[in-house]
Amino acid sequence: MLKKLLGALVLTAAAAGFGGCENPWMKDAVAPLHKNKDGGNNDNGGGGYTFTTPAHYRTTVQANSAPVLITGSSAYEYNASNQGVFIPGRNVTLSSFSIARYETTYELWYEVKTWADGNGYIFANDGCEGNDGTDGNSPTTAAKHEPVTRISWRDAIVWCNAYSQMAGKTPVYYTDSGYGTVLRVSTNDTVTTTDADKAVMNPEANGYRLPTEAEWEYAARGGDPFAPSFAYKWAGTNTEPDLVNYAWYTANSGSPGPDYGTHPVETRIANNAQLYDMSGNVREWCWDWYGMVYSGTVENPGGPATGPSRIVRGGGWNEAAAACAVAIRPATLPFYRYEYLGFRVVSR
């Protein structure tokens, strides 16, 4: 059954996986290909490329599963106004979790949604193939591995439940605190009082879900708080001129031309944890309501209990380098959808 699942990576807290030891994530690393949106290859000017099989995007890599403690530091800030969640004076413990190597592709979104439509799930939006596809259309050969866009936060968590059920896992999101009724309905209602907005997350469920903001930032930083690279400003690099190799953003995809818009996943270099597009391509929905980050000791923080907007992270193809930094914390209303906003999944 694992070969049917989305590519994921278990992030470990065990010190044995860090420092000078062999990085367990590198064992299954795939050499990145720098491809143009129209099929050319930036490395050698080739006239096209062949994607790996769909199973490549759905296998999991296992590592250790101990919790991790991240001690906040000013070194993790982008600047004084953008500090991320690992701020000075804050100690964050995260339990083990798995995170997708790739942003959810339109191909996978469409497959799961097609199954869900026949199994009691209702979506407010059909999803779009990258930035310039047609909502709800069948995946195309040219763009099926681009991220799904134009889906709301509500759509994303309902889809996660459908993906969990389709994969034989326990759904994470419910309409009641007793976890008796699985959340199956999204809506475009413009008020934050829908069942989706009031969803209750079962922390013991093994299904797919959105990452918390702290999980997302930990993964974007490479999953090794003992490494200097954990303080990089972007996922994979600390140097803005080098960012074009790690991210699709305004410098290489924000102007009209062959590279304009979203790109297939795995077409820039991965970060130290072998996760792709943690900076750029599309912003990614997180679970948390937006709120202030306070100092102190916290375990598996998940944001405020309520709020008007949900956190989105990572920057997009049409945004400047600063917006793609791992410490930047934008948020938007849970029913909004954009051509530069998608998601990736995590699980326990």
C-alpha atoms as a PDB file:
ATOM      1  CA  MET A   1       0.000   0.000   0.000  1.00  0.00           C
ATOM      2  CA  LEU A   2       2.919   2.376   0.597  1.00  0.00           C
ATOM      3  CA  LYS A   3       3.560   2.663  -3.128  1.00  0.00           C
ATOM      4  CA  LYS A   4       0.137   4.236  -3.458  1.00  0.00           C
ATOM      5  CA  LEU A   5       1.009   7.056  -1.091  1.00  0.00           C
ATOM      6  CA  LEU A   6       2.420  10.521  -1.597  1.00  0.00           C
ATOM      7  CA  GLY A   7       6.184  10.948  -1.287  1.00  0.00           C
ATOM      8  CA  ALA A   8       6.937  11.699   2.354  1.00  0.00           C
ATOM      9  CA  LEU A   9       9.875  11.966   4.645  1.00  0.00           C
ATOM     10  CA  VAL A  10      10.039  11.200   8.347  1.00  0.00           C
ATOM     11  CA  LEU A  11      11.791  13.980  10.221  1.00  0.00           C
ATOM     12  CA  THR A  12      13.826  12.738  13.138  1.00  0.00           C
ATOM     13  CA  ALA A  13      14.942  14.309  16.373  1.00  0.00           C
ATOM     14  CA  ALA A  14      17.577  11.738  17.225  1.00  0.00           C
ATOM     15  CA  ALA A  15      21.036  13.273  17.417  1.00  0.00           C
ATOM     16  CA  ALA A  16      22.487  10.150  15.835  1.00  0.00           C
ATOM     17  CA  GLY A  17      21.008  11.290  12.538  1.00  0.00           C
ATOM     18  CA  PHE A  18      22.682  14.677  12.719  1.00  0.00           C
ATOM     19  CA  GLY A  19      26.124  16.190  12.931  1.00  0.00           C
ATOM     20  CA  GLY A  20      28.905  14.325  11.181  1.00  0.00           C
ATOM     21  CA  CYS A  21      26.944  11.113  10.780  1.00  0.00           C
ATOM     22  CA  GLU A  22      25.494   9.999   7.491  1.00  0.00           C
ATOM     23  CA  ASN A  23      22.252  11.789   6.765  1.00  0.00           C
ATOM     24  CA  PRO A  24      19.537   9.089   6.492  1.00  0.00           C
ATOM     25  CA  TRP A  25      17.525  11.326   4.157  1.00  0.00           C
ATOM     26  CA  MET A  26      20.303  11.335   1.554  1.00  0.00           C
ATOM     27  CA  LYS A  27      20.053   7.591   0.968  1.00  0.00           C
ATOM     28  CA  ASP A  28      16.956   8.008  -1.160  1.00  0.00           C
ATOM     29  CA  ALA A  29      17.744  11.458  -2.547  1.00  0.00           C
ATOM     30  CA  VAL A  30      16.966  12.032  -6.204  1.00  0.00           C
ATOM     31  CA  ALA A  31      19.300  14.263  -8.189  1.00  0.00           C
ATOM     32  CA  PRO A  32      17.381  17.463  -8.975  1.00  0.00           C
ATOM     33  CA  LEU A  33      16.732  18.358 -12.597  1.00  0.00           C
ATOM     34  CA  HIS A  34      16.543  22.035 -13.483  1.00  0.00           C
ATOM     35  CA  LYS A  35      13.803  22.046 -16.080  1.00  0.00           C
ATOM     36  CA  ASN A  36      12.147  24.900 -17.873  1.00  0.00           C
ATOM     37  CA  LYS A  37       8.379  25.122 -17.823  1.00  0.00           C
ATOM     38  CA  ASP A  38       8.274  24.388 -21.573  1.00  0.00           C
ATOM     39  CA  GLY A  39      10.280  21.167 -21.194  1.00  0.00           C
ATOM     40  CA  GLY A  40      13.818  22.403 -21.815  1.00  0.00           C
ATOM     41  CA  ASN A  41      16.630  21.612 -19.415  1.00  0.00           C
ATOM     42  CA  ASN A  42      18.559  24.479 -17.841  1.00  0.00           C
ATOM     43  CA  ASP A  43      21.635  22.348 -17.313  1.00  0.00           C
ATOM     44  CA  ASN A  44      22.278  21.243 -20.874  1.00  0.00           C
ATOM     45  CA  GLY A  45      19.639  22.866 -23.066  1.00  0.00           C
ATOM     46  CA  GLY A  46      18.019  19.517 -23.808  1.00  0.00           C
ATOM     47  CA  GLY A  47      14.742  19.336 -25.638  1.00  0.00           C
ATOM     48  CA  GLY A  48      12.521  17.758 -23.010  1.00  0.00           C
ATOM     49  CA  TYR A  49      12.597  15.393 -20.071  1.00  0.00           C
ATOM     50  CA  THR A  50      10.976  12.330 -18.610  1.00  0.00           C
ATOM     51  CA  PHE A  51       9.371  12.342 -15.189  1.00  0.00           C
ATOM     52  CA  THR A  52       9.850   9.574 -12.698  1.00  0.00           C
ATOM     53  CA  THR A  53       6.937   7.209 -12.271  1.00  0.00           C
ATOM     54  CA  PRO A  54       3.960   8.302 -10.169  1.00  0.00           C
ATOM     55  CA  ALA A  55       5.079   5.872  -7.458  1.00  0.00           C
ATOM     56  CA  HIS A  56       8.159   8.013  -6.956  1.00  0.00           C
ATOM     57  CA  TYR A  57       5.956  10.768  -5.587  1.00  0.00           C
ATOM     58  CA  ARG A  58       4.113   8.417  -3.228  1.00  0.00           C
ATOM     59  CA  THR A  59       6.712   6.347  -1.409  1.00  0.00           C
ATOM     60  CA  THR A  60       7.882   7.023   2.133  1.00  0.00           C
ATOM     61  CA  VAL A  61      11.354   7.164   3.612  1.00  0.00           C
ATOM     62  CA  GLN A  62      11.648   5.937   7.193  1.00  0.00           C
ATOM     63  CA  ALA A  63      13.987   7.441   9.776  1.00  0.00           C
ATOM     64  CA  ASN A  64      14.134   7.574  13.577  1.00  0.00           C
ATOM     65  CA  SER A  65      11.069   8.794  15.442  1.00  0.00           C
ATOM     66  CA  ALA A  66      12.222  10.523  18.633  1.00  0.00           C
ATOM     67  CA  PRO A  67      10.861  13.954  19.595  1.00  0.00           C
ATOM     68  CA  VAL A  68      13.010  17.028  18.988  1.00  0.00           C
ATOM     69  CA  LEU A  69      13.589  20.156  21.065  1.00  0.00           C
ATOM     70  CA  ILE A  70      14.281  23.382  19.195  1.00  0.00           C
ATOM     71  CA  THR A  71      15.704  26.189  21.283  1.00  0.00           C
ATOM     72  CA  GLY A  72      14.749  29.530  19.772  1.00  0.00           C
ATOM     73  CA  SER A  73      17.425  31.896  18.548  1.00  0.00           C
ATOM     74  CA  SER A  74      17.752  35.294  16.911  1.00  0.00           C
ATOM     75  CA  ALA A  75      19.866  33.505  14.281  1.00  0.00           C
ATOM     76  CA  TYR A  76      16.642  32.077  12.840  1.00  0.00           C
ATOM     77  CA  GLU A  77      15.125  35.491  12.093  1.00  0.00           C
ATOM     78  CA  TYR A  78      14.849  36.873   8.576  1.00  0.00           C
ATOM     79  CA  ASN A  79      14.974  40.321  10.128  1.00  0.00           C
ATOM     80  CA  ALA A  80      13.778  41.988  13.338  1.00  0.00           C
ATOM     81  CA  SER A  81      10.194  42.096  12.063  1.00  0.00           C
ATOM     82  CA  ASN A  82      10.090  38.530  10.703  1.00  0.00           C
ATOM     83  CA  GLN A  83      11.231  36.045  13.302  1.00  0.00           C
ATOM     84  CA  GLY A  84       9.418  32.813  12.498  1.00  0.00           C
ATOM     85  CA  VAL A  85       8.208  30.558  15.319  1.00  0.00           C
ATOM     86  CA  PHE A  86      11.548  29.630  16.869  1.00  0.00           C
ATOM     87  CA  ILE A  87      12.096  32.965  18.560  1.00  0.00           C
ATOM     88  CA  PRO A  88      14.577  33.746  21.347  1.00  0.00           C
ATOM     89  CA  GLY A  89      13.239  32.617  24.715  1.00  0.00           C
ATOM     90  CA  ARG A  90      11.001  29.954  23.202  1.00  0.00           C
ATOM     91  CA  ASN A  91      11.615  26.211  23.500  1.00  0.00           C
ATOM     92  CA  VAL A  92       9.551  24.086  21.120  1.00  0.00           C
ATOM     93  CA  THR A  93       9.221  20.310  21.324  1.00  0.00           C
ATOM     94  CA  LEU A  94       7.908  18.549  18.230  1.00  0.00           C
ATOM     95  CA  SER A  95       6.835  14.926  18.144  1.00  0.00           C
ATOM     96  CA  SER A  96       7.958  12.782  15.217  1.00  0.00           C
ATOM     97  CA  PHE A  97       6.089  13.311  11.970  1.00  0.00           C
ATOM     98  CA  SER A  98       6.316  12.580   8.265  1.00  0.00           C
ATOM     99  CA  ILE A  99       6.126  15.325   5.654  1.00  0.00           C
ATOM    100  CA  ALA A 100       5.670  15.101   1.904  1.00  0.00           C
ATOM    101  CA  ARG A 101       8.772  15.713  -0.151  1.00  0.00           C
ATOM    102  CA  TYR A 102       6.628  17.508  -2.696  1.00  0.00           C
ATOM    103  CA  GLU A 103       3.797  19.971  -2.811  1.00  0.00           C
ATOM    104  CA  THR A 104       0.575  18.135  -3.622  1.00  0.00           C
ATOM    105  CA  THR A 105       0.513  17.732  -7.377  1.00  0.00           C
ATOM    106  CA  TYR A 106      -2.602  18.304  -9.431  1.00  0.00           C
ATOM    107  CA  GLU A 107      -2.435  14.696 -10.595  1.00  0.00           C
ATOM    108  CA  LEU A 108      -2.690  13.398  -7.037  1.00  0.00           C
ATOM    109  CA  TRP A 109      -5.293  15.997  -6.069  1.00  0.00           C
ATOM    110  CA  TYR A 110      -7.462  14.966  -9.016  1.00  0.00           C
ATOM    111  CA  GLU A 111      -7.130  11.251  -8.322  1.00  0.00           C
ATOM    112  CA  VAL A 112      -8.129  11.595  -4.678  1.00  0.00           C
ATOM    113  CA  LYS A 113     -10.892  14.115  -5.377  1.00  0.00           C
ATOM    114  CA  THR A 114     -12.365  11.848  -8.051  1.00  0.00           C
ATOM    115  CA  TRP A 115     -12.502   9.049  -5.494  1.00  0.00           C
ATOM    116  CA  ALA A 116     -13.872  11.408  -2.854  1.00  0.00           C
ATOM    117  CA  ASP A 117     -16.664  12.718  -5.084  1.00  0.00           C
ATOM    118  CA  GLY A 118     -18.109   9.211  -5.133  1.00  0.00           C
ATOM    119  CA  ASN A 119     -17.650   8.568  -1.427  1.00  0.00           C
ATOM    120  CA  GLY A 120     -19.592  11.285   0.336  1.00  0.00           C
ATOM    121  CA  TYR A 121     -17.148  14.199   0.130  1.00  0.00           C
ATOM    122  CA  ILE A 122     -18.107  17.655  -1.125  1.00  0.00           C
ATOM    123  CA  PHE A 123     -15.606  20.307  -2.212  1.00  0.00           C
ATOM    124  CA  ALA A 124     -16.196  24.002  -2.691  1.00  0.00           C
ATOM    125  CA  ASN A 125     -13.536  24.162  -5.414  1.00  0.00           C
ATOM    126  CA  ASP A 126     -12.312  21.711  -8.044  1.00  0.00           C
ATOM    127  CA  GLY A 127      -8.648  22.726  -7.981  1.00  0.00           C
ATOM    128  CA  CYS A 128      -6.447  23.938 -10.809  1.00  0.00           C
ATOM    129  CA  GLU A 129      -3.443  22.447 -12.580  1.00  0.00           C
ATOM    130  CA  GLY A 130      -0.727  24.949 -11.663  1.00  0.00           C
ATOM    131  CA  ASN A 131      -1.282  28.662 -12.187  1.00  0.00           C
ATOM    132  CA  ASP A 132      -2.870  28.511 -15.637  1.00  0.00           C
ATOM    133  CA  GLY A 133      -4.898  25.315 -15.843  1.00  0.00           C
ATOM    134  CA  THR A 134      -8.662  24.963 -15.962  1.00  0.00           C
ATOM    135  CA  ASP A 135     -10.426  24.180 -12.691  1.00  0.00           C
ATOM    136  CA  GLY A 136     -11.428  20.538 -12.483  1.00  0.00           C
ATOM    137  CA  ASN A 137     -10.043  19.428 -15.859  1.00  0.00           C
ATOM    138  CA  SER A 138      -8.368  16.060 -16.280  1.00  0.00           C
ATOM    139  CA  PRO A 139      -4.597  16.219 -15.659  1.00  0.00           C
ATOM    140  CA  THR A 140      -2.464  16.937 -18.729  1.00  0.00           C
ATOM    141  CA  THR A 141       0.848  15.352 -19.627  1.00  0.00           C
ATOM    142  CA  ALA A 142       2.550  18.742 -19.638  1.00  0.00           C
ATOM    143  CA  ALA A 143       1.420  20.012 -16.235  1.00  0.00           C
ATOM    144  CA  LYS A 144       0.058  17.172 -14.109  1.00  0.00           C
ATOM    145  CA  HIS A 145       3.079  17.313 -11.793  1.00  0.00           C
ATOM    146  CA  GLU A 146       2.657  21.006 -11.094  1.00  0.00           C
ATOM    147  CA  PRO A 147       1.128  21.852  -7.710  1.00  0.00           C
ATOM    148  CA  VAL A 148      -2.622  22.028  -7.349  1.00  0.00           C
ATOM    149  CA  THR A 149      -3.746  25.634  -6.833  1.00  0.00           C
ATOM    150  CA  ARG A 150      -6.969  27.599  -6.401  1.00  0.00           C
ATOM    151  CA  ILE A 151      -8.092  25.495  -3.471  1.00  0.00           C
ATOM    152  CA  SER A 152      -9.038  26.884  -0.067  1.00  0.00           C
ATOM    153  CA  TRP A 153      -7.824  25.832   3.355  1.00  0.00           C
ATOM    154  CA  ARG A 154     -11.206  24.203   3.831  1.00  0.00           C
ATOM    155  CA  ASP A 155     -10.798  22.211   0.621  1.00  0.00           C
ATOM    156  CA  ALA A 156      -7.331  21.105   1.720  1.00  0.00           C
ATOM    157  CA  ILE A 157      -8.367  19.597   5.053  1.00  0.00           C
ATOM    158  CA  VAL A 158     -11.387  17.850   3.528  1.00  0.00           C
ATOM    159  CA  TRP A 159      -9.101  16.434   0.826  1.00  0.00           C
ATOM    160  CA  CYS A 160      -6.680  15.233   3.522  1.00  0.00           C
ATOM    161  CA  ASN A 161      -9.509  13.245   5.120  1.00  0.00           C
ATOM    162  CA  ALA A 162     -10.445  11.758   1.760  1.00  0.00           C
ATOM    163  CA  TYR A 163      -6.818  10.833   1.045  1.00  0.00           C
ATOM    164  CA  SER A 164      -6.577   9.197   4.465  1.00  0.00           C
ATOM    165  CA  GLN A 165      -9.718   7.136   3.944  1.00  0.00           C
ATOM    166  CA  MET A 166      -8.708   6.206   0.407  1.00  0.00           C
ATOM    167  CA  ALA A 167      -5.332   4.999   1.730  1.00  0.00           C
ATOM    168  CA  GLY A 168      -6.869   2.976   4.560  1.00  0.00           C
ATOM    169  CA  LYS A 169      -5.738   5.393   7.279  1.00  0.00           C
ATOM    170  CA  THR A 170      -7.719   7.066  10.062  1.00  0.00           C
ATOM    171  CA  PRO A 171      -8.917  10.558   9.070  1.00  0.00           C
ATOM    172  CA  VAL A 172      -7.595  13.415  11.191  1.00  0.00           C
ATOM    173  CA  TYR A 173     -10.325  16.081  11.029  1.00  0.00           C
ATOM    174  CA  TYR A 174     -13.774  15.801  12.687  1.00  0.00           C
ATOM    175  CA  THR A 175     -16.818  17.955  13.309  1.00  0.00           C
ATOM    176  CA  ASP A 176     -16.982  17.024  17.002  1.00  0.00           C
ATOM    177  CA  SER A 177     -14.598  16.715  19.929  1.00  0.00           C
ATOM    178  CA  GLY A 178     -15.459  13.041  20.334  1.00  0.00           C
ATOM    179  CA  TYR A 179     -14.144  12.303  16.816  1.00  0.00           C
ATOM    180  CA  GLY A 180     -17.439  10.717  15.874  1.00  0.00           C
ATOM    181  CA  THR A 181     -18.134  12.469  12.563  1.00  0.00           C
ATOM    182  CA  VAL A 182     -15.467  12.772   9.880  1.00  0.00           C
ATOM    183  CA  LEU A 183     -15.318  16.184   8.205  1.00  0.00           C
ATOM    184  CA  ARG A 184     -16.365  15.658   4.585  1.00  0.00           C
ATOM    185  CA  VAL A 185     -17.735  19.012   3.431  1.00  0.00           C
ATOM    186  CA  SER A 186     -16.011  22.199   2.312  1.00  0.00           C
ATOM    187  CA  THR A 187     -17.831  25.435   1.515  1.00  0.00           C
ATOM    188  CA  ASN A 188     -17.135  28.863   0.031  1.00  0.00           C
ATOM    189  CA  ASP A 189     -19.159  30.587   2.744  1.00  0.00           C
ATOM    190  CA  THR A 190     -17.390  33.841   3.619  1.00  0.00           C
ATOM    191  CA  VAL A 191     -17.810  33.516   7.376  1.00  0.00           C
ATOM    192  CA  THR A 192     -15.570  31.470   9.639  1.00  0.00           C
ATOM    193  CA  THR A 193     -18.341  29.476  11.278  1.00  0.00           C
ATOM    194  CA  THR A 194     -18.482  26.479   8.932  1.00  0.00           C
ATOM    195  CA  ASP A 195     -17.867  22.906  10.036  1.00  0.00           C
ATOM    196  CA  ALA A 196     -14.453  23.082   8.377  1.00  0.00           C
ATOM    197  CA  ASP A 197     -13.452  26.207  10.291  1.00  0.00           C
ATOM    198  CA  LYS A 198     -14.556  24.553  13.535  1.00  0.00           C
ATOM    199  CA  ALA A 199     -12.831  21.265  12.666  1.00  0.00           C
ATOM    200  CA  VAL A 200     -11.310  19.274  15.519  1.00  0.00           C
ATOM    201  CA  MET A 201      -7.991  17.545  14.885  1.00  0.00           C
ATOM    202  CA  ASN A 202      -7.453  14.074  16.353  1.00  0.00           C
ATOM    203  CA  PRO A 203      -3.734  14.095  17.264  1.00  0.00           C
ATOM    204  CA  GLU A 204      -3.651  10.296  17.539  1.00  0.00           C
ATOM    205  CA  ALA A 205      -4.979   9.644  14.026  1.00  0.00           C
ATOM    206  CA  ASN A 206      -2.464   8.277  11.516  1.00  0.00           C
ATOM    207  CA  GLY A 207      -4.039   9.913   8.484  1.00  0.00           C
ATOM    208  CA  TYR A 208      -2.919  12.865   6.376  1.00  0.00           C
ATOM    209  CA  ARG A 209      -3.254  16.454   7.480  1.00  0.00           C
ATOM    210  CA  LEU A 210      -1.821  19.917   7.020  1.00  0.00           C
ATOM    211  CA  PRO A 211       1.403  20.667   8.904  1.00  0.00           C
ATOM    212  CA  THR A 212       1.351  22.940  11.880  1.00  0.00           C
ATOM    213  CA  GLU A 213       3.323  26.114  11.348  1.00  0.00           C
ATOM    214  CA  ALA A 214       6.100  24.868  13.640  1.00  0.00           C
ATOM    215  CA  GLU A 215       6.336  21.544  11.789  1.00  0.00           C
ATOM    216  CA  TRP A 216       6.479  23.356   8.461  1.00  0.00           C
ATOM    217  CA  GLU A 217       9.275  25.698   9.538  1.00  0.00           C
ATOM    218  CA  TYR A 218      11.255  22.881  11.149  1.00  0.00           C
ATOM    219  CA  ALA A 219      11.063  20.915   7.899  1.00  0.00           C
ATOM    220  CA  ALA A 220      11.860  23.939   5.726  1.00  0.00           C
ATOM    221  CA  ARG A 221      14.992  24.541   7.785  1.00  0.00           C
ATOM    222  CA  GLY A 222      16.182  21.010   7.056  1.00  0.00           C
ATOM    223  CA  GLY A 223      15.114  19.137  10.173  1.00  0.00           C
ATOM    224  CA  ASP A 224      18.461  19.388  11.971  1.00  0.00           C
ATOM    225  CA  PRO A 225      18.575  22.110  14.646  1.00  0.00           C
ATOM    226  CA  PHE A 226      22.215  21.217  15.351  1.00  0.00           C
ATOM    227  CA  ALA A 227      23.358  22.122  11.848  1.00  0.00           C
ATOM    228  CA  PRO A 228      24.366  25.655  10.757  1.00  0.00           C
ATOM    229  CA  SER A 229      21.998  25.299   7.799  1.00  0.00           C
ATOM    230  CA  PHE A 230      19.032  25.332  10.201  1.00  0.00           C
ATOM    231  CA  ALA A 231      19.513  29.120  10.325  1.00  0.00           C
ATOM    232  CA  TYR A 232      19.496  29.614   6.543  1.00  0.00           C
ATOM    233  CA  LYS A 233      17.126  32.343   5.390  1.00  0.00           C
ATOM    234  CA  TRP A 234      15.659  30.159   2.655  1.00  0.00           C
ATOM    235  CA  ALA A 235      15.078  26.424   2.396  1.00  0.00           C
ATOM    236  CA  GLY A 236      18.472  25.130   1.275  1.00  0.00           C
ATOM    237  CA  THR A 237      20.490  28.341   1.001  1.00  0.00           C
ATOM    238  CA  ASN A 238      21.524  31.430   2.916  1.00  0.00           C
ATOM    239  CA  THR A 239      22.527  33.400  -0.183  1.00  0.00           C
ATOM    240  CA  GLU A 240      19.973  35.278  -2.254  1.00  0.00           C
ATOM    241  CA  PRO A 241      21.901  34.985  -5.567  1.00  0.00           C
ATOM    242  CA  ASP A 242      21.826  31.206  -5.062  1.00  0.00           C
ATOM    243  CA  LEU A 243      18.085  31.142  -4.435  1.00  0.00           C
ATOM    244  CA  VAL A 244      17.294  30.698  -8.147  1.00  0.00           C
ATOM    245  CA  ASN A 245      18.688  27.163  -7.823  1.00  0.00           C
ATOM    246  CA  TYR A 246      16.366  26.289  -4.938  1.00  0.00           C
ATOM    247  CA  ALA A 247      13.136  28.151  -5.627  1.00  0.00           C
ATOM    248  CA  TRP A 248      10.749  29.334  -8.317  1.00  0.00           C
ATOM    249  CA  TYR A 249      10.054  32.981  -7.521  1.00  0.00           C
ATOM    250  CA  THR A 250      10.017  36.353  -9.299  1.00  0.00           C
ATOM    251  CA  ALA A 251      13.670  36.152 -10.365  1.00  0.00           C
ATOM    252  CA  ASN A 252      13.103  33.069 -12.529  1.00  0.00           C
ATOM    253  CA  SER A 253       9.333  32.619 -12.920  1.00  0.00           C
ATOM    254  CA  GLY A 254       7.637  35.944 -12.265  1.00  0.00           C
ATOM    255  CA  SER A 255       7.928  37.569 -15.698  1.00  0.00           C
ATOM    256  CA  PRO A 256       6.115  36.596 -18.919  1.00  0.00           C
ATOM    257  CA  GLY A 257       8.114  34.014 -20.830  1.00  0.00           C
ATOM    258  CA  PRO A 258       8.695  30.243 -20.992  1.00  0.00           C
ATOM    259  CA  ASP A 259       9.356  29.993 -17.234  1.00  0.00           C
ATOM    260  CA  TYR A 260       6.404  32.130 -16.129  1.00  0.00           C
ATOM    261  CA  GLY A 261       4.169  30.614 -13.440  1.00  0.00           C
ATOM    262  CA  THR A 262       4.201  27.382 -11.461  1.00  0.00           C
ATOM    263  CA  HIS A 263       6.541  24.493 -12.289  1.00  0.00           C
ATOM    264  CA  PRO A 264       6.518  20.736 -11.822  1.00  0.00           C
ATOM    265  CA  VAL A 265       7.711  19.582  -8.422  1.00  0.00           C
ATOM    266  CA  GLU A 266      11.325  18.407  -8.094  1.00  0.00           C
ATOM    267  CA  THR A 267      12.629  20.920 -10.644  1.00  0.00           C
ATOM    268  CA  ARG A 268      14.775  22.927  -8.225  1.00  0.00           C
ATOM    269  CA  ILE A 269      17.303  21.694  -5.677  1.00  0.00           C
ATOM    270  CA  ALA A 270      15.920  20.208  -2.456  1.00  0.00           C
ATOM    271  CA  ASN A 271      16.800  21.491   1.002  1.00  0.00           C
ATOM    272  CA  ASN A 272      18.988  19.569   3.461  1.00  0.00           C
ATOM    273  CA  ALA A 273      16.110  17.219   4.315  1.00  0.00           C
ATOM    274  CA  GLN A 274      15.515  16.444   0.624  1.00  0.00           C
ATOM    275  CA  LEU A 275      12.250  18.401   0.578  1.00  0.00           C
ATOM    276  CA  TYR A 276      11.424  20.303  -2.594  1.00  0.00           C
ATOM    277  CA  ASP A 277       9.852  23.744  -3.043  1.00  0.00           C
ATOM    278  CA  MET A 278       9.829  24.673   0.630  1.00  0.00           C
ATOM    279  CA  SER A 279      10.703  28.110  -0.694  1.00  0.00           C
ATOM    280  CA  GLY A 280       8.837  29.242  -3.800  1.00  0.00           C
ATOM    281  CA  ASN A 281       6.631  27.607  -6.446  1.00  0.00           C
ATOM    282  CA  VAL A 282       3.432  27.955  -4.377  1.00  0.00           C
ATOM    283  CA  ARG A 283       2.660  29.093  -0.886  1.00  0.00           C
ATOM    284  CA  GLU A 284       1.456  26.290   1.376  1.00  0.00           C
ATOM    285  CA  TRP A 285      -1.492  26.168   3.746  1.00  0.00           C
ATOM    286  CA  CYS A 286      -0.734  25.301   7.372  1.00  0.00           C
ATOM    287  CA  TRP A 287      -3.185  24.212  10.059  1.00  0.00           C
ATOM    288  CA  ASP A 288      -2.790  27.168  12.429  1.00  0.00           C
ATOM    289  CA  TRP A 289      -4.942  30.216  12.841  1.00  0.00           C
ATOM    290  CA  TYR A 290      -2.688  33.257  12.666  1.00  0.00           C
ATOM    291  CA  GLY A 291      -1.554  34.635  16.033  1.00  0.00           C
ATOM    292  CA  MET A 292       1.376  36.128  17.893  1.00  0.00           C
ATOM    293  CA  VAL A 293       4.308  33.860  18.792  1.00  0.00           C
ATOM    294  CA  TYR A 294       5.262  34.070  22.464  1.00  0.00           C
ATOM    295  CA  SER A 295       8.317  32.963  24.402  1.00  0.00           C
ATOM    296  CA  GLY A 296       8.107  30.043  26.818  1.00  0.00           C
ATOM    297  CA  THR A 297       8.123  26.252  26.624  1.00  0.00           C
ATOM    298  CA  VAL A 298       5.570  24.631  24.307  1.00  0.00           C
ATOM    299  CA  GLU A 299       4.939  21.150  22.930  1.00  0.00           C
ATOM    300  CA  ASN A 300       3.512  20.613  19.453  1.00  0.00           C
ATOM    301  CA  PRO A 301       2.102  24.146  19.161  1.00  0.00           C
ATOM    302  CA  GLY A 302      -0.855  24.504  16.829  1.00  0.00           C
ATOM    303  CA  GLY A 303      -1.680  28.202  16.976  1.00  0.00           C
ATOM    304  CA  PRO A 304      -4.638  30.005  18.596  1.00  0.00           C
ATOM    305  CA  ALA A 305      -7.970  28.269  19.123  1.00  0.00           C
ATOM    306  CA  THR A 306      -9.757  30.700  16.799  1.00  0.00           C
ATOM    307  CA  GLY A 307      -9.064  33.518  14.403  1.00  0.00           C
ATOM    308  CA  PRO A 308      -9.965  35.046  11.065  1.00  0.00           C
ATOM    309  CA  SER A 309      -6.993  33.833   8.978  1.00  0.00           C
ATOM    310  CA  ARG A 310      -4.936  30.678   8.527  1.00  0.00           C
ATOM    311  CA  ILE A 311      -1.158  30.610   8.176  1.00  0.00           C
ATOM    312  CA  VAL A 312       0.425  30.115   4.736  1.00  0.00           C
ATOM    313  CA  ARG A 313       4.152  29.556   4.317  1.00  0.00           C
ATOM    314  CA  GLY A 314       6.944  29.296   1.778  1.00  0.00           C
ATOM    315  CA  GLY A 315       6.367  32.013  -0.821  1.00  0.00           C
ATOM    316  CA  GLY A 316       5.260  31.562  -4.407  1.00  0.00           C
ATOM    317  CA  TRP A 317       6.381  31.794  -8.025  1.00  0.00           C
ATOM    318  CA  ASN A 318       5.192  35.404  -8.281  1.00  0.00           C
ATOM    319  CA  GLU A 319       6.763  36.677  -5.069  1.00  0.00           C
ATOM    320  CA  ALA A 320      10.072  38.319  -4.208  1.00  0.00           C
ATOM    321  CA  ALA A 321      12.900  36.542  -2.397  1.00  0.00           C
ATOM    322  CA  ALA A 322      11.942  38.043   0.970  1.00  0.00           C
ATOM    323  CA  ALA A 323       8.461  36.483   0.795  1.00  0.00           C
ATOM    324  CA  CYS A 324      10.023  33.039   0.241  1.00  0.00           C
ATOM    325  CA  ALA A 325      12.141  33.136   3.427  1.00  0.00           C
ATOM    326  CA  VAL A 326      11.393  30.388   5.956  1.00  0.00           C
ATOM    327  CA  ALA A 327      10.734  32.846   8.804  1.00  0.00           C
ATOM    328  CA  ILE A 328       8.030  34.821   6.970  1.00  0.00           C
ATOM    329  CA  ARG A 329       4.517  34.287   8.426  1.00  0.00           C
ATOM    330  CA  PRO A 330       1.746  35.477   6.108  1.00  0.00           C
ATOM    331  CA  ALA A 331      -1.877  34.412   6.557  1.00  0.00           C
ATOM    332  CA  THR A 332      -5.108  34.563   4.594  1.00  0.00           C
ATOM    333  CA  LEU A 333      -8.808  33.807   5.035  1.00  0.00           C
ATOM    334  CA  PRO A 334      -9.623  30.078   4.953  1.00  0.00           C
ATOM    335  CA  PHE A 335     -12.032  30.379   2.013  1.00  0.00           C
ATOM    336  CA  TYR A 336      -9.622  32.303  -0.236  1.00  0.00           C
ATOM    337  CA  ARG A 337      -7.942  30.589  -3.171  1.00  0.00           C
ATOM    338  CA  TYR A 338      -5.137  31.780  -5.410  1.00  0.00           C
ATOM    339  CA  GLU A 339      -3.056  30.593  -8.353  1.00  0.00           C
ATOM    340  CA  TYR A 340       0.034  30.767  -6.109  1.00  0.00           C
ATOM    341  CA  LEU A 341      -1.313  28.824  -3.126  1.00  0.00           C
ATOM    342  CA  GLY A 342      -1.352  25.057  -2.575  1.00  0.00           C
ATOM    343  CA  PHE A 343      -0.304  22.648   0.212  1.00  0.00           C
ATOM    344  CA  ARG A 344       1.660  19.564   1.204  1.00  0.00           C
ATOM    345  CA  VAL A 345       0.659  16.914   3.724  1.00  0.00           C
ATOM    346  CA  VAL A 346       2.112  15.454   6.898  1.00  0.00           C
ATOM    347  CA  SER A 347       1.230  12.443   9.041  1.00  0.00           C
ATOM    348  CA  ARG A 348       2.278  10.807  12.288  1.00  0.00           C
END
